[in-house]
Amino acid sequence: MSEANGNISVPLPPMPAIAETQLPVSCPTSGIHSPFFSTSAVPKLDQLEPPKPAPWFITPLHKPLRKVLRLTKLEPEDTWLPITESRNGNKYYAGFHTLSSGIGIQALILPVAFTHLGWTWGLISLTLAFIWQFYTLWILVQLHESAENGKRYSRYLQLADAAFGDRLGKVLALFPLGYLSSGTCGALIMLGGSTLKIFYQIVCETTCTLKPLTTVEWCLVFTFAAVLMSQLPNLNSMAGVSLVGAITAIGYCSLTWVASVAAGRLPEVSYDPVGGNTEIERISGALNALGIIAFAFRGHNLILEIQGTMPSSEKHPSRVPMWQGVKAAYTIIAICLFPVAIAGYWAYGHKIPSNNGMLTALYQFHSRNVSPFILGAASLFVVINSLSLYQIYGMPTFDDMELLYISTKKRRCPRWLRALFRTIFGFFSFFMAVAVPFSGSVSGLAGGLALPVTLAYPCFMWAKIKKPPKYGGMWWLNWGLGILGMGFSFALVAAGIPVVIDAGSKLSFFKPPDCE
């Protein structure tokens, strides 16, 4: 049939047989020579397990955990800086740091404020100031971590930038924060050096044959000790130092008022408010007294830094143990401050010295009828407490200096450079302390400068960040307290400047006064 169609079919020649070859299989050299390599490791198709579901922590049902991960995540620079280098703190550490930073030699100057305000207004002002600053403490603890973006504000300046913007936040907070850190360290050097001199005189009396050191030399001795202690690496490592500082602060506060009451009231003591010859002088004195009370409640500039040393998660936020530590610390602070103010004013009245208050009064009026052991113990407690306070108040400045290096070099600050930074800061503070030897006279001005950080800025921060309903209770409370705090600050600074000028005209620079 094929021929009929005109097609001729030609059979094809048989194809040559192709040898069956096996293609080479390439494997990584490390896999071939590894003792763990085996061809039996490749499973057959029927041995494959069904795919597992996605891990539960990345599903949309577990957004809270992602918040936890954000809250506990540390930025690289945070792990290099001394404040947040260690985040294993707890409520006890928080209580130690808060108590140590919240109570100090400024408590012994409270009776000086009563000489201008009298019993009634002195007690009212002290009570209202305590309640006000306790409320702003609560605000700072609550604002430390943001539930919206998971960010932790472990420094006061960071929270100010978040609330007011980068530029305005630095304008408002940078100077008072720097003063509360560096200025306090300088004041502590002057206080510690002059108290060391008193302690040496009490202990040695006439038995020591060596030539006594001058006040400036004792300040230098104190500075060496403070710089040596400042080499502790981070804030958490200073918990023991803060505990010792808190115990000694409680010790000298208790010793001074108990010894003063036991010695009895001075003769011819008057409790009438001390006033000047003119109405302006009386108003200035009252405002300066309010500044002394405001300065007694310091430490707000360190609250966020202390809370930054604690771990945090959504299930266990840091604000819970932090607030527990703060409440315990400020209960003890109240137990110390109110007796000192009341007993000191009762014992000395208008005769209370303005320079270091109760401490100077104890030396000046009771050096003969009070046991030298009590006087020596009070002096030693003041020195140890000043050394402890220097460490915690200097920490923000240490942190800032290292941050400047890290921002430039993008690496951790070497240990030798960290030690150099802290040594330079210590001796610069020493120079400022002996060059500008202001003491109790500057307390009113210092209170005016520190008052916004303590009483005003936290209220504005709550209103700006939390955004309470307009014209609601929290809106009126925070805006009202913030504006009132700023008004007080301006008035206190204006009233404190003439006092400082008058005190400066009576002091010899580079000759710091003694406590006695």
Protein backbone atom coordinates (compact mmCIF):
# COMPACT_ATOMS: atom_id res chain seq x y z
CA MET A 1 0.00 0.00 0.00
CA SER A 2 2.84 2.25 0.64
CA GLU A 3 4.08 1.79 -2.83
CA ALA A 4 0.68 2.67 -4.25
CA ASN A 5 0.85 5.99 -2.50
CA GLY A 6 4.24 6.72 -3.99
CA ASN A 7 6.08 6.55 -0.71
CA ILE A 8 9.02 4.26 -0.25
CA SER A 9 9.70 3.12 3.36
CA VAL A 10 13.38 2.66 4.13
CA PRO A 11 14.20 0.87 7.37
CA LEU A 12 16.46 2.92 9.76
CA PRO A 13 19.80 1.46 10.71
CA PRO A 14 20.03 0.24 14.28
CA MET A 15 21.35 2.87 16.82
CA PRO A 16 24.62 2.01 18.51
CA ALA A 17 24.32 1.09 22.17
CA ILE A 18 25.23 4.00 24.52
CA ALA A 19 27.11 3.03 27.56
CA GLU A 20 25.19 3.91 30.75
CA THR A 21 27.32 6.35 32.70
CA GLN A 22 26.74 7.79 36.16
CA LEU A 23 26.99 11.56 36.52
CA PRO A 24 29.36 12.76 39.24
CA VAL A 25 27.85 14.19 42.41
CA SER A 26 29.66 17.20 43.83
CA CYS A 27 29.64 17.77 47.56
CA PRO A 28 31.47 20.29 49.71
CA THR A 29 34.89 19.12 50.61
CA SER A 30 34.16 19.57 54.29
CA GLY A 31 31.13 17.32 53.93
CA ILE A 32 33.02 14.56 52.09
CA HIS A 33 35.80 14.38 54.62
CA SER A 34 33.58 14.87 57.64
CA PRO A 35 33.17 11.75 59.79
CA PHE A 36 29.49 12.67 60.16
CA PHE A 37 28.82 12.54 56.39
CA SER A 38 26.72 9.58 55.25
CA THR A 39 24.62 8.87 52.18
CA SER A 40 22.00 7.32 54.39
CA ALA A 41 21.28 10.77 55.80
CA VAL A 42 19.10 11.58 52.77
CA PRO A 43 15.57 10.46 53.68
CA LYS A 44 13.18 8.80 51.23
CA LEU A 45 10.07 10.60 50.10
CA ASP A 46 7.74 8.49 52.21
CA GLN A 47 9.90 9.17 55.27
CA LEU A 48 9.53 12.95 55.11
CA GLU A 49 7.61 14.49 58.02
CA PRO A 50 4.79 16.93 57.32
CA PRO A 51 5.84 20.57 57.65
CA LYS A 52 5.54 22.01 61.16
CA PRO A 53 3.42 25.10 61.75
CA ALA A 54 5.12 28.46 62.19
CA PRO A 55 6.52 29.08 65.66
CA TRP A 56 3.85 30.44 67.96
CA PHE A 57 5.87 33.53 68.90
CA ILE A 58 5.75 35.00 65.40
CA THR A 59 2.01 34.65 64.81
CA PRO A 60 -0.24 37.72 65.02
CA LEU A 61 -1.81 36.30 68.18
CA HIS A 62 1.31 37.01 70.18
CA LYS A 63 1.98 40.70 69.68
CA PRO A 64 2.54 41.20 73.42
CA LEU A 65 5.63 39.01 73.25
CA ARG A 66 7.04 41.12 70.48
CA LYS A 67 6.59 44.09 72.78
CA VAL A 68 8.49 42.20 75.43
CA LEU A 69 11.33 41.57 73.01
CA ARG A 70 11.44 45.25 72.14
CA LEU A 71 11.35 46.32 75.76
CA THR A 72 14.23 44.09 76.73
CA LYS A 73 16.31 44.80 73.64
CA LEU A 74 19.41 46.89 74.27
CA GLU A 75 20.93 49.23 71.77
CA PRO A 76 24.66 48.59 71.22
CA GLU A 77 25.65 51.87 72.87
CA ASP A 78 23.50 51.05 75.93
CA THR A 79 25.55 47.94 76.58
CA TRP A 80 28.72 50.05 76.51
CA LEU A 81 27.65 52.90 78.80
CA PRO A 82 28.06 52.73 82.59
CA ILE A 83 24.42 53.44 83.48
CA THR A 84 22.88 50.68 81.35
CA GLU A 85 25.89 48.38 81.03
CA SER A 86 24.31 46.08 83.62
CA ARG A 87 20.56 45.52 83.80
CA ASN A 88 20.28 42.96 86.55
CA GLY A 89 19.04 45.37 89.22
CA ASN A 90 16.08 44.76 91.51
CA LYS A 91 13.85 46.59 93.95
CA TYR A 92 16.50 46.42 96.67
CA TYR A 93 19.15 48.01 94.48
CA ALA A 94 16.61 50.64 93.45
CA GLY A 95 15.80 51.35 97.08
CA PHE A 96 19.49 51.69 98.00
CA HIS A 97 20.23 54.09 95.14
CA THR A 98 17.07 56.14 95.68
CA LEU A 99 17.59 56.45 99.43
CA SER A 100 21.23 57.38 99.03
CA SER A 101 20.54 60.01 96.35
CA GLY A 102 17.42 61.40 98.03
CA ILE A 103 18.88 62.11 101.45
CA GLY A 104 22.06 64.01 102.18
CA ILE A 105 23.60 66.99 103.86
CA GLN A 106 20.86 69.24 102.45
CA ALA A 107 18.53 67.73 105.05
CA LEU A 108 20.56 69.36 107.83
CA ILE A 109 19.90 72.82 106.37
CA LEU A 110 16.10 72.52 106.65
CA PRO A 111 15.94 74.31 110.04
CA VAL A 112 17.49 77.34 108.30
CA ALA A 113 14.38 77.56 106.10
CA PHE A 114 12.16 77.59 109.19
CA THR A 115 13.92 80.71 110.50
CA HIS A 116 12.36 82.67 107.62
CA LEU A 117 9.01 80.88 107.45
CA GLY A 118 8.23 80.15 111.08
CA TRP A 119 6.56 77.04 112.48
CA THR A 120 3.29 77.14 110.57
CA TRP A 121 4.44 78.02 107.08
CA GLY A 122 7.59 75.97 107.50
CA LEU A 123 5.67 72.77 108.24
CA ILE A 124 3.06 73.48 105.55
CA SER A 125 5.73 74.15 102.92
CA LEU A 126 7.74 71.06 103.86
CA THR A 127 4.67 68.80 103.75
CA LEU A 128 3.36 70.14 100.45
CA ALA A 129 6.80 69.92 98.86
CA PHE A 130 7.12 66.29 99.95
CA ILE A 131 3.72 65.35 98.49
CA TRP A 132 4.42 67.25 95.26
CA GLN A 133 7.82 65.69 94.65
CA PHE A 134 6.47 62.23 95.53
CA TYR A 135 3.84 62.65 92.79
CA THR A 136 6.46 63.66 90.23
CA LEU A 137 8.52 60.64 91.23
CA TRP A 138 5.54 58.46 90.34
CA ILE A 139 5.28 60.21 86.97
CA LEU A 140 8.92 59.55 86.12
CA VAL A 141 8.68 55.89 87.08
CA GLN A 142 5.59 55.46 84.88
CA LEU A 143 7.12 57.27 81.89
CA HIS A 144 10.37 55.28 81.94
CA GLU A 145 9.14 52.79 79.32
CA SER A 146 6.76 53.41 76.45
CA ALA A 147 4.11 50.79 75.71
CA GLU A 148 3.66 52.21 72.18
CA ASN A 149 7.17 51.87 70.81
CA GLY A 150 8.79 49.74 73.51
CA LYS A 151 11.53 52.30 74.12
CA ARG A 152 13.07 52.77 77.55
CA TYR A 153 14.14 56.24 78.61
CA SER A 154 17.05 55.42 80.88
CA ARG A 155 18.24 59.01 81.19
CA TYR A 156 16.35 62.13 82.18
CA LEU A 157 17.56 63.98 79.09
CA GLN A 158 16.20 61.25 76.81
CA LEU A 159 12.73 61.62 78.32
CA ALA A 160 12.95 65.41 78.00
CA ASP A 161 13.83 65.05 74.31
CA ALA A 162 10.90 62.66 73.76
CA ALA A 163 8.45 65.03 75.48
CA PHE A 164 9.64 68.43 74.28
CA GLY A 165 11.66 67.64 71.14
CA ASP A 166 15.40 67.32 70.74
CA ARG A 167 16.24 71.01 70.68
CA LEU A 168 13.83 72.29 73.34
CA GLY A 169 14.46 69.29 75.57
CA LYS A 170 18.17 70.02 75.69
CA VAL A 171 17.61 73.74 76.23
CA LEU A 172 15.33 73.10 79.19
CA ALA A 173 17.09 70.18 80.87
CA LEU A 174 20.78 70.22 79.98
CA PHE A 175 21.94 72.99 82.32
CA PRO A 176 20.00 72.00 85.47
CA LEU A 177 20.96 68.35 84.98
CA GLY A 178 24.61 69.29 84.57
CA TYR A 179 24.45 71.45 87.67
CA LEU A 180 22.79 68.69 89.73
CA SER A 181 25.54 66.29 88.71
CA SER A 182 28.75 68.32 88.52
CA GLY A 183 27.72 71.02 90.99
CA THR A 184 26.69 68.48 93.59
CA CYS A 185 30.01 66.65 93.26
CA GLY A 186 31.89 69.91 93.85
CA ALA A 187 29.79 70.69 96.92
CA LEU A 188 30.39 67.18 98.25
CA ILE A 189 34.16 67.61 97.88
CA MET A 190 34.07 70.84 99.86
CA LEU A 191 31.80 69.33 102.53
CA GLY A 192 33.83 66.13 102.77
CA GLY A 193 37.15 67.95 103.03
CA SER A 194 36.02 70.40 105.71
CA THR A 195 34.35 67.60 107.71
CA LEU A 196 37.51 65.49 107.47
CA LYS A 197 39.38 68.35 109.10
CA ILE A 198 36.84 68.47 111.95
CA PHE A 199 37.03 64.70 112.38
CA TYR A 200 40.82 64.86 112.61
CA GLN A 201 40.60 67.57 115.27
CA ILE A 202 38.05 65.61 117.31
CA VAL A 203 40.03 62.36 117.18
CA CYS A 204 43.50 63.81 117.75
CA GLU A 205 42.77 66.84 119.93
CA THR A 206 46.12 67.51 121.65
CA THR A 207 47.66 64.07 121.12
CA CYS A 208 48.71 64.60 117.49
CA THR A 209 52.07 66.26 116.99
CA LEU A 210 51.91 66.49 113.21
CA LYS A 211 51.12 69.80 111.60
CA PRO A 212 47.39 69.76 110.70
CA LEU A 213 46.40 70.02 107.08
CA THR A 214 44.55 73.02 105.74
CA THR A 215 40.98 72.77 104.50
CA VAL A 216 42.12 72.78 100.88
CA GLU A 217 44.52 69.92 101.58
CA TRP A 218 41.78 67.92 103.28
CA CYS A 219 39.58 68.54 100.23
CA LEU A 220 42.39 67.15 98.10
CA VAL A 221 42.57 64.03 100.31
CA PHE A 222 38.83 63.58 99.92
CA THR A 223 39.13 63.99 96.15
CA PHE A 224 41.76 61.24 95.91
CA ALA A 225 39.45 58.88 97.81
CA ALA A 226 36.43 59.84 95.68
CA VAL A 227 38.33 59.35 92.40
CA LEU A 228 39.58 55.96 93.55
CA MET A 229 36.06 54.80 94.42
CA SER A 230 34.69 56.16 91.14
CA GLN A 231 36.53 53.44 89.18
CA LEU A 232 33.67 51.00 89.79
CA PRO A 233 32.47 50.12 86.28
CA ASN A 234 28.70 50.78 86.31
CA LEU A 235 25.75 51.92 88.39
CA ASN A 236 24.70 48.44 89.47
CA SER A 237 28.17 47.74 90.82
CA MET A 238 27.68 50.71 93.18
CA ALA A 239 24.65 49.21 94.95
CA GLY A 240 26.75 48.33 97.99
CA VAL A 241 28.24 51.83 98.04
CA SER A 242 24.73 53.33 97.94
CA LEU A 243 23.64 51.08 100.80
CA VAL A 244 26.55 52.30 102.94
CA GLY A 245 25.76 55.88 101.96
CA ALA A 246 22.10 55.47 102.92
CA ILE A 247 22.97 53.96 106.31
CA THR A 248 25.43 56.72 107.14
CA ALA A 249 22.93 59.42 106.06
CA ILE A 250 20.32 57.97 108.39
CA GLY A 251 23.02 57.79 111.05
CA TYR A 252 24.13 61.42 111.01
CA CYS A 253 20.58 62.75 110.59
CA SER A 254 19.50 60.79 113.66
CA LEU A 255 22.61 61.67 115.69
CA THR A 256 22.36 65.41 115.04
CA TRP A 257 18.72 65.87 116.02
CA VAL A 258 18.79 63.42 118.93
CA ALA A 259 21.96 65.00 120.36
CA SER A 260 20.53 68.50 119.90
CA VAL A 261 17.28 67.62 121.68
CA ALA A 262 19.15 65.82 124.47
CA ALA A 263 21.40 68.85 124.98
CA GLY A 264 18.36 71.08 125.36
CA ARG A 265 17.15 74.26 123.80
CA LEU A 266 19.55 77.17 123.62
CA PRO A 267 18.82 80.13 125.86
CA GLU A 268 17.03 83.15 124.42
CA VAL A 269 15.87 81.26 121.35
CA SER A 270 13.30 83.05 119.22
CA TYR A 271 10.90 81.45 116.76
CA ASP A 272 9.75 84.63 115.12
CA PRO A 273 10.46 84.64 111.37
CA VAL A 274 13.70 86.40 110.58
CA GLY A 275 13.05 89.37 108.31
CA GLY A 276 14.99 92.20 106.80
CA ASN A 277 14.51 95.90 107.17
CA THR A 278 12.32 96.16 104.08
CA GLU A 279 9.44 94.19 102.64
CA ILE A 280 11.57 93.16 99.66
CA GLU A 281 14.20 91.66 101.97
CA ARG A 282 11.56 89.71 103.89
CA ILE A 283 10.05 88.35 100.68
CA SER A 284 13.49 87.47 99.36
CA GLY A 285 14.30 85.62 102.59
CA ALA A 286 11.03 83.66 102.44
CA LEU A 287 11.63 82.68 98.82
CA ASN A 288 15.19 81.65 99.63
CA ALA A 289 13.77 79.45 102.41
CA LEU A 290 11.41 77.79 99.93
CA GLY A 291 14.41 77.14 97.72
CA ILE A 292 16.16 75.40 100.62
CA ILE A 293 13.12 73.15 101.07
CA ALA A 294 12.98 72.42 97.34
CA PHE A 295 16.70 71.57 97.32
CA ALA A 296 16.17 69.10 100.17
CA PHE A 297 14.18 66.88 97.78
CA ARG A 298 16.72 66.16 95.11
CA GLY A 299 17.47 62.95 93.26
CA HIS A 300 14.80 63.13 90.55
CA ASN A 301 17.56 63.59 87.99
CA LEU A 302 18.71 60.05 88.84
CA ILE A 303 15.41 58.16 89.03
CA LEU A 304 15.28 57.18 85.34
CA GLU A 305 18.95 56.20 85.44
CA ILE A 306 18.33 53.96 88.45
CA GLN A 307 15.30 52.36 86.77
CA GLY A 308 17.40 51.82 83.65
CA THR A 309 19.55 49.31 85.55
CA MET A 310 16.59 46.92 85.92
CA PRO A 311 15.28 44.28 83.47
CA SER A 312 11.84 44.91 82.00
CA SER A 313 9.17 43.06 80.06
CA GLU A 314 5.46 43.52 79.50
CA LYS A 315 4.68 40.79 82.01
CA HIS A 316 7.21 42.11 84.52
CA PRO A 317 7.67 45.85 83.80
CA SER A 318 10.43 47.62 85.64
CA ARG A 319 8.03 50.21 87.06
CA VAL A 320 6.63 47.69 89.57
CA PRO A 321 9.84 46.86 91.50
CA MET A 322 11.10 50.41 90.96
CA TRP A 323 8.05 51.93 92.60
CA GLN A 324 8.34 49.47 95.48
CA GLY A 325 11.92 50.59 96.06
CA VAL A 326 10.98 54.27 95.76
CA LYS A 327 8.13 53.99 98.28
CA ALA A 328 10.35 52.25 100.83
CA ALA A 329 13.17 54.77 100.30
CA TYR A 330 10.99 57.87 100.64
CA THR A 331 9.26 56.52 103.72
CA ILE A 332 12.68 56.43 105.38
CA ILE A 333 13.55 59.85 103.93
CA ALA A 334 10.41 61.36 105.46
CA ILE A 335 11.26 59.76 108.81
CA CYS A 336 14.66 61.48 108.63
CA LEU A 337 13.79 64.90 107.19
CA PHE A 338 10.82 65.92 109.33
CA PRO A 339 12.49 65.24 112.73
CA VAL A 340 15.64 67.07 111.61
CA ALA A 341 13.64 70.14 110.56
CA ILE A 342 11.38 70.19 113.63
CA ALA A 343 13.95 69.24 116.28
CA GLY A 344 16.64 71.47 114.79
CA TYR A 345 14.41 74.53 114.73
CA TRP A 346 13.18 73.79 118.25
CA ALA A 347 16.71 73.44 119.63
CA TYR A 348 18.38 76.40 117.89
CA GLY A 349 15.62 78.66 116.57
CA HIS A 350 16.93 81.76 114.86
CA LYS A 351 20.49 80.89 116.00
CA ILE A 352 20.84 77.97 113.57
CA PRO A 353 23.95 78.59 111.39
CA SER A 354 23.26 78.93 107.67
CA ASN A 355 26.48 77.07 106.83
CA ASN A 356 25.63 73.33 106.95
CA GLY A 357 22.86 73.94 109.48
CA MET A 358 22.59 71.24 112.14
CA LEU A 359 26.11 69.91 111.67
CA THR A 360 27.73 73.28 112.33
CA ALA A 361 25.32 73.98 115.21
CA LEU A 362 26.29 70.72 116.88
CA TYR A 363 29.99 71.66 116.79
CA GLN A 364 29.45 75.30 117.62
CA PHE A 365 27.06 75.03 120.58
CA HIS A 366 27.61 71.52 121.99
CA SER A 367 31.28 70.73 121.52
CA ARG A 368 31.73 70.58 125.32
CA ASN A 369 28.51 69.00 126.59
CA VAL A 370 28.17 66.32 123.86
CA SER A 371 30.38 63.24 123.86
CA PRO A 372 33.35 63.42 121.48
CA PHE A 373 32.32 59.96 120.32
CA ILE A 374 28.98 61.36 119.08
CA LEU A 375 30.66 64.30 117.38
CA GLY A 376 33.29 62.06 115.79
CA ALA A 377 30.71 59.50 114.62
CA ALA A 378 28.54 62.23 113.06
CA SER A 379 31.59 63.64 111.25
CA LEU A 380 32.70 60.23 110.01
CA PHE A 381 29.17 59.45 108.78
CA VAL A 382 29.10 62.71 106.83
CA VAL A 383 32.45 61.91 105.16
CA ILE A 384 31.41 58.37 104.19
CA ASN A 385 28.03 59.57 102.93
CA SER A 386 29.68 62.30 100.86
CA LEU A 387 31.98 59.72 99.26
CA SER A 388 28.98 57.54 98.40
CA LEU A 389 26.90 60.41 97.04
CA TYR A 390 29.80 61.53 94.85
CA GLN A 391 29.69 58.20 93.01
CA ILE A 392 25.99 58.20 92.18
CA TYR A 393 25.74 61.92 91.35
CA GLY A 394 28.85 61.74 89.19
CA MET A 395 27.54 58.76 87.20
CA PRO A 396 25.45 60.84 84.69
CA THR A 397 28.54 62.91 83.88
CA PHE A 398 30.66 59.77 83.49
CA ASP A 399 27.97 58.41 81.18
CA ASP A 400 27.93 61.59 79.07
CA MET A 401 31.71 61.61 78.65
CA GLU A 402 31.76 58.01 77.48
CA LEU A 403 28.79 58.63 75.19
CA LEU A 404 30.76 61.38 73.46
CA TYR A 405 33.62 58.94 72.83
CA ILE A 406 31.31 56.13 71.67
CA SER A 407 29.45 58.43 69.29
CA THR A 408 32.74 59.42 67.69
CA LYS A 409 34.66 56.13 67.65
CA LYS A 410 31.71 53.67 67.39
CA ARG A 411 33.26 51.32 69.94
CA ARG A 412 33.39 50.69 73.66
CA CYS A 413 35.39 53.12 75.77
CA PRO A 414 38.67 51.49 76.90
CA ARG A 415 39.19 50.99 80.60
CA TRP A 416 42.18 53.30 80.74
CA LEU A 417 40.23 56.08 79.07
CA ARG A 418 37.25 55.54 81.39
CA ALA A 419 39.61 55.88 84.37
CA LEU A 420 41.15 59.01 82.83
CA PHE A 421 37.71 60.61 82.27
CA ARG A 422 36.70 60.06 85.87
CA THR A 423 40.00 61.29 87.23
CA ILE A 424 39.83 64.50 85.19
CA PHE A 425 36.26 65.10 86.32
CA GLY A 426 37.18 64.55 89.96
CA PHE A 427 40.03 67.04 90.02
CA PHE A 428 38.07 69.57 87.98
CA SER A 429 35.31 69.35 90.60
CA PHE A 430 37.97 69.84 93.29
CA PHE A 431 39.22 72.98 91.58
CA MET A 432 35.71 74.43 91.33
CA ALA A 433 34.94 73.52 94.94
CA VAL A 434 37.91 75.40 96.38
CA ALA A 435 37.78 78.24 93.84
CA VAL A 436 34.12 79.10 94.46
CA PRO A 437 33.55 78.15 98.12
CA PHE A 438 29.82 78.73 98.43
CA SER A 439 28.02 76.53 100.92
CA GLY A 440 24.68 76.98 102.65
CA SER A 441 24.15 80.39 101.07
CA VAL A 442 23.79 78.84 97.63
CA SER A 443 21.09 76.38 98.70
CA GLY A 444 18.22 78.70 97.80
CA LEU A 445 19.58 79.41 94.33
CA ALA A 446 20.39 75.71 93.85
CA GLY A 447 16.84 74.85 94.82
CA GLY A 448 15.50 77.28 92.25
CA LEU A 449 17.68 75.80 89.51
CA ALA A 450 16.80 72.23 90.42
CA LEU A 451 13.11 72.85 91.02
CA PRO A 452 11.96 72.41 87.37
CA VAL A 453 13.68 69.02 87.16
CA THR A 454 12.00 67.95 90.38
CA LEU A 455 8.54 69.56 90.32
CA ALA A 456 7.73 71.09 86.93
CA TYR A 457 9.18 69.13 84.00
CA PRO A 458 7.69 65.74 85.01
CA CYS A 459 4.19 67.26 84.99
CA PHE A 460 4.70 68.71 81.51
CA MET A 461 6.13 65.37 80.34
CA TRP A 462 3.02 63.53 81.47
CA ALA A 463 0.76 66.01 79.68
CA LYS A 464 2.80 65.85 76.47
CA ILE A 465 3.37 62.07 76.32
CA LYS A 466 0.22 60.61 77.88
CA LYS A 467 -2.06 63.32 76.41
CA PRO A 468 -4.83 63.17 79.02
CA PRO A 469 -8.30 64.40 77.93
CA LYS A 470 -8.26 68.15 77.54
CA TYR A 471 -9.74 70.01 80.50
CA GLY A 472 -9.94 66.73 82.43
CA GLY A 473 -8.66 66.20 85.95
CA MET A 474 -5.17 64.98 85.01
CA TRP A 475 -4.88 67.69 82.36
CA TRP A 476 -5.59 70.47 84.86
CA LEU A 477 -3.43 68.88 87.56
CA ASN A 478 -0.30 68.48 85.46
CA TRP A 479 -0.48 71.72 83.56
CA GLY A 480 -1.31 73.61 86.75
CA LEU A 481 1.54 72.06 88.77
CA GLY A 482 3.97 72.51 85.89
CA ILE A 483 3.21 76.20 85.45
CA LEU A 484 3.25 76.76 89.22
CA GLY A 485 6.61 75.00 89.47
CA MET A 486 8.15 77.14 86.74
CA GLY A 487 6.83 80.29 88.43
CA PHE A 488 8.39 79.21 91.72
CA SER A 489 11.66 78.45 89.95
CA PHE A 490 11.96 81.93 88.43
CA ALA A 491 11.08 83.55 91.76
CA LEU A 492 13.57 81.44 93.72
CA VAL A 493 16.39 82.12 91.29
CA ALA A 494 15.66 85.85 91.41
CA ALA A 495 15.64 85.78 95.21
CA GLY A 496 18.74 83.57 95.49
CA ILE A 497 21.04 85.62 93.26
CA PRO A 498 21.33 88.58 95.70
CA VAL A 499 22.02 86.17 98.58
CA VAL A 500 24.81 84.48 96.63
CA ILE A 501 26.27 87.86 95.62
CA ASP A 502 26.24 89.01 99.23
CA ALA A 503 27.83 85.75 100.41
CA GLY A 504 30.42 85.90 97.62
CA SER A 505 31.50 89.38 98.70
CA LYS A 506 32.24 88.02 102.21
CA LEU A 507 34.14 84.92 101.13
CA SER A 508 37.75 84.57 100.07
CA PHE A 509 38.11 82.55 96.90
CA PHE A 510 40.35 79.46 97.11
CA LYS A 511 39.75 79.48 100.90
CA PRO A 512 36.77 77.23 101.60
CA PRO A 513 35.16 77.68 105.03
CA ASP A 514 35.20 75.04 107.74
CA CYS A 515 32.09 73.41 109.11
CA GLU A 516 32.67 74.88 112.54
